[in-house]
C-alpha atoms as a PDB file:
ATOM      1  CA  MET A   1      22.060 -17.055  10.576  1.00  0.00           C
ATOM      2  CA  ALA A   2      21.699 -13.802   8.062  1.00  0.00           C
ATOM      3  CA  SER A   3      18.804 -15.153   6.823  1.00  0.00           C
ATOM      4  CA  LEU A   4      17.032 -15.937  10.402  1.00  0.00           C
ATOM      5  CA  MET A   5      18.131 -13.122  11.844  1.00  0.00           C
ATOM      6  CA  PHE A   6      16.415 -10.648   8.870  1.00  0.00           C
ATOM      7  CA  THR A   7      13.250 -13.060   9.324  1.00  0.00           C
ATOM      8  CA  MET A   8      13.094 -12.707  13.556  1.00  0.00           C
ATOM      9  CA  LEU A   9      13.496  -8.805  13.313  1.00  0.00           C
ATOM     10  CA  LEU A  10      11.402  -8.035  10.273  1.00  0.00           C
ATOM     11  CA  PRO A  11       7.590  -8.322  12.178  1.00  0.00           C
ATOM     12  CA  PRO A  12       9.180  -6.434  15.378  1.00  0.00           C
ATOM     13  CA  ILE A  13      10.488  -3.600  12.712  1.00  0.00           C
ATOM     14  CA  LEU A  14       7.246  -3.121  10.837  1.00  0.00           C
ATOM     15  CA  GLY A  15       5.654  -3.066  13.529  1.00  0.00           C
ATOM     16  CA  LEU A  16       7.709  -0.124  14.894  1.00  0.00           C
ATOM     17  CA  VAL A  17       6.261   1.117  11.442  1.00  0.00           C
ATOM     18  CA  MET A  18       2.563   0.735  11.419  1.00  0.00           C
ATOM     19  CA  PHE A  19       2.811   2.558  15.025  1.00  0.00           C
ATOM     20  CA  GLY A  20       3.775   5.384  13.148  1.00  0.00           C
ATOM     21  CA  LEU A  21       1.418   5.053  10.956  1.00  0.00           C
ATOM     22  CA  GLY A  22      -0.756   4.918  13.760  1.00  0.00           C
ATOM     23  CA  LEU A  23       0.769   8.137  15.746  1.00  0.00           C
ATOM     24  CA  THR A  24      -0.267  10.274  12.296  1.00  0.00           C
ATOM     25  CA  LEU A  25      -3.819   9.189  12.466  1.00  0.00           C
ATOM     26  CA  THR A  26      -6.520  10.287  14.713  1.00  0.00           C
ATOM     27  CA  VAL A  27     -10.435   8.894  15.625  1.00  0.00           C
ATOM     28  CA  ALA A  28     -11.465  11.824  12.747  1.00  0.00           C
ATOM     29  CA  ASP A  29      -9.997  10.164  10.318  1.00  0.00           C
ATOM     30  CA  PHE A  30     -11.330   7.501  10.668  1.00  0.00           C
ATOM     31  CA  ALA A  31     -14.807   9.616  10.782  1.00  0.00           C
ATOM     32  CA  ARG A  32     -14.374  12.228   7.712  1.00  0.00           C
ATOM     33  CA  VAL A  33     -15.148   9.090   5.576  1.00  0.00           C
ATOM     34  CA  LEU A  34     -18.799  10.505   6.215  1.00  0.00           C
ATOM     35  CA  LYS A  35     -17.247  13.613   4.465  1.00  0.00           C
ATOM     36  CA  TYR A  36     -15.921  12.343   1.060  1.00  0.00           C
ATOM     37  CA  PRO A  37     -18.789   9.360   1.025  1.00  0.00           C
ATOM     38  CA  LYS A  38     -18.611   9.170  -2.682  1.00  0.00           C
ATOM     39  CA  ALA A  39     -14.668   9.477  -2.828  1.00  0.00           C
ATOM     40  CA  ALA A  40     -13.966   7.899  -0.264  1.00  0.00           C
ATOM     41  CA  ALA A  41     -16.444   4.189  -1.835  1.00  0.00           C
ATOM     42  CA  VAL A  42     -15.108   4.561  -5.199  1.00  0.00           C
ATOM     43  CA  ALA A  43     -11.813   4.438  -3.605  1.00  0.00           C
ATOM     44  CA  LEU A  44     -11.832   1.424  -1.979  1.00  0.00           C
ATOM     45  CA  THR A  45     -14.542  -0.485  -4.061  1.00  0.00           C
ATOM     46  CA  CYS A  46     -11.138  -0.331  -6.923  1.00  0.00           C
ATOM     47  CA  GLN A  47      -8.795  -0.767  -4.273  1.00  0.00           C
ATOM     48  CA  ILE A  48     -10.811  -4.291  -2.687  1.00  0.00           C
ATOM     49  CA  VAL A  49     -12.707  -5.238  -5.817  1.00  0.00           C
ATOM     50  CA  VAL A  50     -11.077  -3.883  -9.317  1.00  0.00           C
ATOM     51  CA  LEU A  51      -7.398  -4.262  -8.011  1.00  0.00           C
ATOM     52  CA  PRO A  52      -7.569  -7.785  -7.743  1.00  0.00           C
ATOM     53  CA  ALA A  53      -9.330  -8.807 -10.621  1.00  0.00           C
ATOM     54  CA  VAL A  54      -7.183  -6.798 -12.363  1.00  0.00           C
ATOM     55  CA  CYS A  55      -4.063  -8.147 -11.077  1.00  0.00           C
ATOM     56  CA  PHE A  56      -5.221 -11.374 -12.094  1.00  0.00           C
ATOM     57  CA  GLY A  57      -5.244 -10.388 -15.409  1.00  0.00           C
ATOM     58  CA  LEU A  58      -2.103  -9.689 -15.498  1.00  0.00           C
ATOM     59  CA  VAL A  59      -0.626 -12.378 -13.119  1.00  0.00           C
ATOM     60  CA  LEU A  60      -1.606 -15.023 -16.145  1.00  0.00           C
ATOM     61  CA  ALA A  61      -0.779 -12.646 -19.468  1.00  0.00           C
ATOM     62  CA  PHE A  62       3.235 -12.616 -17.808  1.00  0.00           C
ATOM     63  CA  HIS A  63       2.797 -16.112 -17.239  1.00  0.00           C
ATOM     64  CA  LEU A  64       3.695 -15.968 -13.403  1.00  0.00           C
ATOM     65  CA  HIS A  65       3.095 -18.814 -11.392  1.00  0.00           C
ATOM     66  CA  GLY A  66       3.949 -20.961  -7.634  1.00  0.00           C
ATOM     67  CA  ALA A  67       5.280 -18.478  -4.910  1.00  0.00           C
ATOM     68  CA  LEU A  68       5.611 -15.941  -7.773  1.00  0.00           C
ATOM     69  CA  ALA A  69       2.259 -15.391  -8.910  1.00  0.00           C
ATOM     70  CA  VAL A  70       0.715 -15.676  -4.730  1.00  0.00           C
ATOM     71  CA  GLY A  71       3.350 -12.715  -4.071  1.00  0.00           C
ATOM     72  CA  VAL A  72       1.916 -10.555  -6.707  1.00  0.00           C
ATOM     73  CA  MET A  73      -1.808 -10.860  -5.113  1.00  0.00           C
ATOM     74  CA  LEU A  74      -0.285 -10.432  -1.996  1.00  0.00           C
ATOM     75  CA  LEU A  75       1.004  -6.916  -3.225  1.00  0.00           C
ATOM     76  CA  VAL A  76      -1.847  -6.140  -4.833  1.00  0.00           C
ATOM     77  CA  ALA A  77      -3.932  -6.602  -1.675  1.00  0.00           C
ATOM     78  CA  ALA A  78      -1.225  -4.503   0.566  1.00  0.00           C
ATOM     79  CA  PRO A  79      -2.889  -1.108   1.872  1.00  0.00           C
ATOM     80  CA  GLY A  80      -1.605   2.132   0.465  1.00  0.00           C
ATOM     81  CA  GLY A  81       0.558   4.248   3.323  1.00  0.00           C
ATOM     82  CA  ILE A  82       2.587   7.306   3.877  1.00  0.00           C
ATOM     83  CA  THR A  83       4.825   6.897   0.472  1.00  0.00           C
ATOM     84  CA  ALA A  84       0.903   7.105  -1.004  1.00  0.00           C
ATOM     85  CA  ASN A  85       0.779  10.063   1.134  1.00  0.00           C
ATOM     86  CA  LEU A  86       3.557  12.031   0.536  1.00  0.00           C
ATOM     87  CA  PHE A  87       3.229  11.668  -3.378  1.00  0.00           C
ATOM     88  CA  SER A  88      -0.511  13.057  -2.969  1.00  0.00           C
ATOM     89  CA  HIS A  89       1.161  15.975  -1.697  1.00  0.00           C
ATOM     90  CA  LEU A  90       3.437  16.701  -4.210  1.00  0.00           C
ATOM     91  CA  ALA A  91       0.488  15.909  -6.691  1.00  0.00           C
ATOM     92  CA  GLY A  92      -1.296  18.218  -5.289  1.00  0.00           C
ATOM     93  CA  GLY A  93      -3.434  15.770  -4.564  1.00  0.00           C
ATOM     94  CA  ASP A  94      -6.485  16.421  -0.917  1.00  0.00           C
ATOM     95  CA  VAL A  95      -4.121  14.774   1.534  1.00  0.00           C
ATOM     96  CA  ALA A  96      -6.921  14.586   4.378  1.00  0.00           C
ATOM     97  CA  LEU A  97      -8.913  11.921   1.841  1.00  0.00           C
ATOM     98  CA  ASN A  98      -5.015  10.393   1.541  1.00  0.00           C
ATOM     99  CA  ILE A  99      -4.824  10.041   5.601  1.00  0.00           C
ATOM    100  CA  THR A 100      -8.696   8.511   5.551  1.00  0.00           C
ATOM    101  CA  LEU A 101      -8.275   6.413   3.038  1.00  0.00           C
ATOM    102  CA  THR A 102      -5.053   4.994   4.877  1.00  0.00           C
ATOM    103  CA  ALA A 103      -6.926   4.897   7.799  1.00  0.00           C
ATOM    104  CA  ILE A 104      -9.275   2.748   6.667  1.00  0.00           C
ATOM    105  CA  ASN A 105      -7.386   0.613   4.033  1.00  0.00           C
ATOM    106  CA  SER A 106      -5.572  -1.010   7.606  1.00  0.00           C
ATOM    107  CA  LEU A 107      -8.370  -1.699   8.803  1.00  0.00           C
ATOM    108  CA  LEU A 108      -9.774  -3.619   6.083  1.00  0.00           C
ATOM    109  CA  ALA A 109      -6.852  -4.855   4.985  1.00  0.00           C
ATOM    110  CA  ALA A 110      -6.644  -6.872   7.659  1.00  0.00           C
ATOM    111  CA  PHE A 111      -9.167  -9.012   6.993  1.00  0.00           C
ATOM    112  CA  THR A 112      -9.162  -8.720   2.603  1.00  0.00           C
ATOM    113  CA  LEU A 113      -5.542  -9.256   3.019  1.00  0.00           C
ATOM    114  CA  PRO A 114      -5.553 -13.206   3.697  1.00  0.00           C
ATOM    115  CA  VAL A 115      -8.867 -13.513   1.899  1.00  0.00           C
ATOM    116  CA  VAL A 116      -6.578 -13.073  -0.918  1.00  0.00           C
ATOM    117  CA  VAL A 117      -3.719 -14.723  -0.230  1.00  0.00           C
ATOM    118  CA  ALA A 118      -5.844 -17.933   0.547  1.00  0.00           C
ATOM    119  CA  LEU A 119      -7.554 -17.352  -2.704  1.00  0.00           C
ATOM    120  CA  ALA A 120      -4.255 -17.059  -4.804  1.00  0.00           C
ATOM    121  CA  THR A 121      -2.400 -19.953  -2.534  1.00  0.00           C
ATOM    122  CA  TRP A 122      -5.295 -22.135  -3.676  1.00  0.00           C
ATOM    123  CA  ARG A 123      -5.104 -21.242  -7.637  1.00  0.00           C
ATOM    124  CA  PHE A 124      -2.016 -20.783  -7.850  1.00  0.00           C
ATOM    125  CA  LEU A 125      -0.053 -23.726  -5.700  1.00  0.00           C
ATOM    126  CA  GLY A 126      -2.893 -25.933  -5.588  1.00  0.00           C
ATOM    127  CA  ASP A 127      -4.023 -28.109  -2.912  1.00  0.00           C
ATOM    128  CA  GLU A 128      -1.076 -29.110  -1.647  1.00  0.00           C
ATOM    129  CA  ALA A 129      -0.403 -25.703  -0.173  1.00  0.00           C
ATOM    130  CA  SER A 130       0.435 -25.332   3.174  1.00  0.00           C
ATOM    131  CA  ILE A 131      -1.224 -21.783   3.621  1.00  0.00           C
ATOM    132  CA  GLY A 132      -4.637 -20.983   3.823  1.00  0.00           C
ATOM    133  CA  LEU A 133      -6.796 -19.269   5.623  1.00  0.00           C
ATOM    134  CA  GLN A 134      -5.209 -20.438   8.260  1.00  0.00           C
ATOM    135  CA  PHE A 135      -6.809 -18.462  12.203  1.00  0.00           C
ATOM    136  CA  GLY A 136      -2.920 -18.606  13.357  1.00  0.00           C
ATOM    137  CA  LYS A 137      -2.088 -16.825   9.883  1.00  0.00           C
ATOM    138  CA  PHE A 138      -4.943 -14.508  10.250  1.00  0.00           C
ATOM    139  CA  VAL A 139      -4.047 -13.723  13.642  1.00  0.00           C
ATOM    140  CA  GLN A 140      -0.621 -12.721  13.241  1.00  0.00           C
ATOM    141  CA  VAL A 141      -2.258 -10.545   9.853  1.00  0.00           C
ATOM    142  CA  LEU A 142      -4.038  -9.284  12.236  1.00  0.00           C
ATOM    143  CA  ALA A 143      -1.065  -8.663  15.046  1.00  0.00           C
ATOM    144  CA  ILE A 144       1.343  -6.928  12.041  1.00  0.00           C
ATOM    145  CA  VAL A 145      -1.830  -4.451  10.859  1.00  0.00           C
ATOM    146  CA  LEU A 146      -4.565  -3.842  12.845  1.00  0.00           C
ATOM    147  CA  VAL A 147      -2.767  -3.418  16.670  1.00  0.00           C
ATOM    148  CA  PRO A 148       0.010  -1.660  16.071  1.00  0.00           C
ATOM    149  CA  VAL A 149      -1.966   1.282  14.565  1.00  0.00           C
ATOM    150  CA  ALA A 150      -4.367   1.513  17.056  1.00  0.00           C
ATOM    151  CA  ILE A 151      -2.391   1.419  18.999  1.00  0.00           C
ATOM    152  CA  GLY A 152      -0.141   4.471  17.672  1.00  0.00           C
ATOM    153  CA  VAL A 153      -4.118   5.650  17.035  1.00  0.00           C
ATOM    154  CA  TRP A 154      -4.250   5.727  21.186  1.00  0.00           C
ATOM    155  CA  THR A 155      -1.136   7.418  21.699  1.00  0.00           C
ATOM    156  CA  ARG A 156      -2.003   9.531  19.875  1.00  0.00           C
ATOM    157  CA  HIS A 157      -4.892  11.000  21.503  1.00  0.00           C
ATOM    158  CA  ARG A 158      -3.399  10.729  24.649  1.00  0.00           C
ATOM    159  CA  PHE A 159      -0.308  11.889  24.073  1.00  0.00           C
ATOM    160  CA  SER A 160      -0.766  14.305  20.554  1.00  0.00           C
ATOM    161  CA  ALA A 161       2.397  16.810  21.135  1.00  0.00           C
ATOM    162  CA  TRP A 162       4.417  13.810  21.908  1.00  0.00           C
ATOM    163  CA  ALA A 163       2.356  12.050  18.745  1.00  0.00           C
ATOM    164  CA  ASP A 164       3.372  15.376  16.283  1.00  0.00           C
ATOM    165  CA  ALA A 165       7.568  15.778  17.129  1.00  0.00           C
ATOM    166  CA  MET A 166       7.166  12.001  16.293  1.00  0.00           C
ATOM    167  CA  ARG A 167       5.632  11.980  12.766  1.00  0.00           C
ATOM    168  CA  GLN A 168       9.124  13.351  10.543  1.00  0.00           C
ATOM    169  CA  PRO A 169      11.089  10.677  12.669  1.00  0.00           C
ATOM    170  CA  ALA A 170       8.675   7.562  11.825  1.00  0.00           C
ATOM    171  CA  LYS A 171       8.725   8.953   7.869  1.00  0.00           C
ATOM    172  CA  ILE A 172      12.588   8.551   8.136  1.00  0.00           C
ATOM    173  CA  ALA A 173      11.335   5.034   9.981  1.00  0.00           C
ATOM    174  CA  SER A 174       9.516   3.543   6.587  1.00  0.00           C
ATOM    175  CA  VAL A 175      11.873   4.768   4.813  1.00  0.00           C
ATOM    176  CA  LEU A 176      14.459   2.979   6.043  1.00  0.00           C
ATOM    177  CA  VAL A 177      12.795  -0.716   6.749  1.00  0.00           C
ATOM    178  CA  LEU A 178      12.096  -0.301   3.006  1.00  0.00           C
ATOM    179  CA  ALA A 179      15.331  -0.522   2.254  1.00  0.00           C
ATOM    180  CA  LEU A 180      15.556  -2.367   4.902  1.00  0.00           C
ATOM    181  CA  ALA A 181      12.466  -5.091   3.708  1.00  0.00           C
ATOM    182  CA  THR A 182      13.452  -4.141   0.159  1.00  0.00           C
ATOM    183  CA  VAL A 183      17.541  -5.202   0.075  1.00  0.00           C
ATOM    184  CA  GLY A 184      16.651  -8.764   2.467  1.00  0.00           C
ATOM    185  CA  ALA A 185      14.188  -9.661   0.379  1.00  0.00           C
ATOM    186  CA  LEU A 186      16.115  -9.650  -2.647  1.00  0.00           C
ATOM    187  CA  THR A 187      19.231 -10.985  -1.137  1.00  0.00           C
ATOM    188  CA  GLN A 188      17.729 -14.457   0.134  1.00  0.00           C
ATOM    189  CA  SER A 189      16.006 -15.200  -3.211  1.00  0.00           C
ATOM    190  CA  PHE A 190      18.538 -14.190  -5.655  1.00  0.00           C
ATOM    191  CA  ASP A 191      18.243 -16.626  -7.889  1.00  0.00           C
ATOM    192  CA  VAL A 192      14.910 -16.198  -7.983  1.00  0.00           C
ATOM    193  CA  PHE A 193      14.881 -12.913  -8.741  1.00  0.00           C
ATOM    194  CA  ALA A 194      17.360 -13.223 -11.461  1.00  0.00           C
ATOM    195  CA  ALA A 195      16.007 -15.247 -13.255  1.00  0.00           C
ATOM    196  CA  ASN A 196      12.548 -14.032 -13.192  1.00  0.00           C
ATOM    197  CA  MET A 197      13.762  -9.794 -13.461  1.00  0.00           C
ATOM    198  CA  GLY A 198      12.368  -8.905 -16.738  1.00  0.00           C
ATOM    199  CA  ARG A 199       8.320 -10.168 -15.836  1.00  0.00           C
ATOM    200  CA  LEU A 200       8.714  -8.909 -12.416  1.00  0.00           C
ATOM    201  CA  GLY A 201      10.155  -5.897 -13.255  1.00  0.00           C
ATOM    202  CA  GLY A 202       7.284  -5.208 -16.397  1.00  0.00           C
ATOM    203  CA  ILE A 203       4.053  -6.782 -14.158  1.00  0.00           C
ATOM    204  CA  ALA A 204       5.089  -4.423 -11.453  1.00  0.00           C
ATOM    205  CA  LEU A 205       6.006  -1.627 -13.693  1.00  0.00           C
ATOM    206  CA  VAL A 206       2.298  -2.637 -15.309  1.00  0.00           C
ATOM    207  CA  LEU A 207       0.403  -2.902 -12.150  1.00  0.00           C
ATOM    208  CA  CYS A 208       1.452   0.556 -10.822  1.00  0.00           C
ATOM    209  CA  THR A 209       0.218   2.238 -13.805  1.00  0.00           C
ATOM    210  CA  LEU A 210      -2.473   0.466 -14.250  1.00  0.00           C
ATOM    211  CA  SER A 211      -2.911   1.099 -10.429  1.00  0.00           C
ATOM    212  CA  LEU A 212      -2.553   4.970 -10.888  1.00  0.00           C
ATOM    213  CA  VAL A 213      -5.179   4.910 -13.420  1.00  0.00           C
ATOM    214  CA  ILE A 214      -7.083   2.919 -12.470  1.00  0.00           C
ATOM    215  CA  GLY A 215      -7.218   5.216  -9.347  1.00  0.00           C
ATOM    216  CA  TYR A 216      -8.120   8.029 -11.189  1.00  0.00           C
ATOM    217  CA  VAL A 217     -10.001   7.631 -14.128  1.00  0.00           C
ATOM    218  CA  VAL A 218     -13.025   5.582 -12.067  1.00  0.00           C
ATOM    219  CA  THR A 219     -12.787   8.149  -9.161  1.00  0.00           C
ATOM    220  CA  ARG A 220     -13.599  10.716 -12.947  1.00  0.00           C
ATOM    221  CA  LEU A 221     -16.025   9.363 -13.944  1.00  0.00           C
ATOM    222  CA  PHE A 222     -18.074   9.305 -10.694  1.00  0.00           C
ATOM    223  CA  ARG A 223     -17.640  12.832 -11.013  1.00  0.00           C
ATOM    224  CA  VAL A 224     -14.846  13.342  -7.698  1.00  0.00           C
ATOM    225  CA  SER A 225     -12.760  16.693  -7.627  1.00  0.00           C
ATOM    226  CA  ARG A 226      -9.499  16.562  -9.784  1.00  0.00           C
ATOM    227  CA  ARG A 227      -6.955  16.371  -6.199  1.00  0.00           C
ATOM    228  CA  GLN A 228      -9.486  14.202  -4.031  1.00  0.00           C
ATOM    229  CA  SER A 229      -9.507  11.483  -7.705  1.00  0.00           C
ATOM    230  CA  ILE A 230      -5.001  12.645  -7.878  1.00  0.00           C
ATOM    231  CA  ALA A 231      -5.426  11.349  -3.174  1.00  0.00           C
ATOM    232  CA  ALA A 232      -7.055   8.256  -4.953  1.00  0.00           C
ATOM    233  CA  ALA A 233      -4.550   7.298  -7.500  1.00  0.00           C
ATOM    234  CA  MET A 234      -1.699   7.147  -5.043  1.00  0.00           C
ATOM    235  CA  GLU A 235      -3.303   5.418  -2.296  1.00  0.00           C
ATOM    236  CA  ILE A 236      -4.846   2.851  -5.066  1.00  0.00           C
ATOM    237  CA  GLY A 237      -1.393   3.072  -6.937  1.00  0.00           C
ATOM    238  CA  LEU A 238       1.153   2.884  -4.307  1.00  0.00           C
ATOM    239  CA  HIS A 239       0.880  -0.419  -2.038  1.00  0.00           C
ATOM    240  CA  ASN A 240       2.176  -1.373   0.991  1.00  0.00           C
ATOM    241  CA  SER A 241       5.403  -3.205  -0.292  1.00  0.00           C
ATOM    242  CA  THR A 242       6.505  -3.609   3.452  1.00  0.00           C
ATOM    243  CA  LEU A 243       4.102  -5.169   4.415  1.00  0.00           C
ATOM    244  CA  ALA A 244       3.533  -7.961   1.318  1.00  0.00           C
ATOM    245  CA  ILE A 245       7.436  -8.892   2.102  1.00  0.00           C
ATOM    246  CA  ILE A 246       7.194  -8.940   6.661  1.00  0.00           C
ATOM    247  CA  VAL A 247       3.721 -11.285   5.447  1.00  0.00           C
ATOM    248  CA  SER A 248       5.855 -13.189   3.032  1.00  0.00           C
ATOM    249  CA  VAL A 249       8.809 -13.979   5.536  1.00  0.00           C
ATOM    250  CA  SER A 250       7.771 -13.742   8.521  1.00  0.00           C
ATOM    251  CA  VAL A 251       3.702 -15.021   8.516  1.00  0.00           C
ATOM    252  CA  ILE A 252       3.600 -17.811   5.255  1.00  0.00           C
ATOM    253  CA  GLY A 253       7.082 -18.148   5.547  1.00  0.00           C
ATOM    254  CA  ASP A 254       8.469 -18.679   1.990  1.00  0.00           C
ATOM    255  CA  GLU A 255      11.244 -15.916   0.932  1.00  0.00           C
ATOM    256  CA  VAL A 256       9.534 -16.230  -2.483  1.00  0.00           C
ATOM    257  CA  MET A 257       6.867 -15.022  -1.985  1.00  0.00           C
ATOM    258  CA  ALA A 258       8.684 -11.323  -1.423  1.00  0.00           C
ATOM    259  CA  VAL A 259      10.520 -11.333  -3.945  1.00  0.00           C
ATOM    260  CA  PRO A 260       7.641  -9.292  -6.503  1.00  0.00           C
ATOM    261  CA  ALA A 261       7.367  -7.372  -3.732  1.00  0.00           C
ATOM    262  CA  ALA A 262      10.497  -5.772  -3.431  1.00  0.00           C
ATOM    263  CA  LEU A 263      11.061  -5.167  -6.698  1.00  0.00           C
ATOM    264  CA  TYR A 264       8.408  -2.809  -6.700  1.00  0.00           C
ATOM    265  CA  GLY A 265       9.082  -1.389  -4.197  1.00  0.00           C
ATOM    266  CA  VAL A 266      12.073   0.025  -6.178  1.00  0.00           C
ATOM    267  CA  LEU A 267       9.725   0.495  -9.632  1.00  0.00           C
ATOM    268  CA  MET A 268       7.175   1.846  -7.892  1.00  0.00           C
ATOM    269  CA  PHE A 269       9.030   5.301  -7.360  1.00  0.00           C
ATOM    270  CA  VAL A 270       8.856   5.344 -11.265  1.00  0.00           C
ATOM    271  CA  PRO A 271       5.761   5.522 -12.272  1.00  0.00           C
ATOM    272  CA  ALA A 272       4.482   7.262  -9.271  1.00  0.00           C
ATOM    273  CA  GLY A 273       6.886  10.330  -9.910  1.00  0.00           C
ATOM    274  CA  LEU A 274       5.735  11.122 -13.673  1.00  0.00           C
ATOM    275  CA  ALA A 275       2.640  10.065 -12.222  1.00  0.00           C
ATOM    276  CA  SER A 276       2.540  13.649  -9.856  1.00  0.00           C
ATOM    277  CA  TYR A 277       5.049  15.655 -12.540  1.00  0.00           C
ATOM    278  CA  LEU A 278       1.513  15.520 -14.892  1.00  0.00           C
ATOM    279  CA  PHE A 279      -0.324  15.761 -11.948  1.00  0.00           C
ATOM    280  CA  SER A 280       1.591  19.311 -10.878  1.00  0.00           C
ATOM    281  CA  ARG A 281       2.503  20.582 -14.407  1.00  0.00           C
ATOM    282  CA  ARG A 282      -1.843  20.515 -14.714  1.00  0.00           C
ATOM    283  CA  ALA A 283      -2.414  22.011 -11.200  1.00  0.00           C
ATOM    284  CA  GLU A 284      -5.832  23.737 -10.662  1.00  0.00           C
ATOM    285  CA  PRO A 285      -5.572  26.992 -10.432  1.00  0.00           C
ATOM    286  CA  ILE A 286      -7.351  28.626  -7.537  1.00  0.00           C
ATOM    287  CA  ILE A 287      -9.663  31.508  -8.531  1.00  0.00           C
ATOM    288  CA  ALA A 288      -9.212  34.910  -6.847  1.00  0.00           C
ATOM    289  CA  PRO A 289     -12.342  37.243  -6.420  1.00  0.00           C
ATOM    290  CA  VAL A 290     -12.629  39.559  -8.519  1.00  0.00           C
ATOM    291  CA  PRO A 291     -13.403  43.635  -6.842  1.00  0.00           C
ATOM    292  CA  VAL A 292     -15.920  45.105  -7.483  1.00  0.00           C
ATOM    293  CA  GLN A 293     -15.359  49.117  -8.632  1.00  0.00           C
ATOM    294  CA  GLY A 294     -17.425  51.200  -7.708  1.00  0.00           C
ATOM    295  CA  ARG A 295     -19.370  53.893  -9.087  1.00  0.00           C
END
């Protein structure tokens, strides 16, 4: 009964959270990508192409199989979110770029996430797997990710004052839903979690750390500014584990698949907090103009 309630309640709750995310976005946030074309292009390429390849290598290196392997791949396909924006602010990153990347990533994930899940399912669960890139499941992911965000963006455009007032409650709700989803997922599959805690904890920490490093180093190699590189690192490094959990449990119907995302949702704060501290310690100084002395 508790498992059924958990499965039934998560999708509408996540819908509210994604609606709250939409309330923080405007049409200008999507258009702003034209202002940061290089930073956005490099960051999105890392998110959509580079990270799944790196994650696939980690899954093989940590000898994960079956639903747990698919769960890790599902996690890496999830976009960033409010948590990435928060850590970017703490680290001295370009939060405007973060908001832009979150907006674009949320749109793209509705299409790329089912593709990654289908390929991972084919690779790690074999031909007998009952899930894949089915049209019904694709529509469900689209509904969970895209529709509430779009409604939130429209609501902000139509009722901007109310949307501004709801920003803080939306952030609090996101944290509470993350906690609920994490506890629920770990409780539902506690035996699997306990048996694989070492490997899953290791891959979660390594994945988050590598994602942060890739996001920062690759963008810097393309001569993106330091603040924008910090923003890219946080957006790429901190995945929306709540979304991954709910897609696993409610769309795919596999509670074991949600375990990697649940553990990641707890452990990601360690490398993210350390990265924020290191970035903020080396913040770029603001150079004030030197007054010219009159003769």
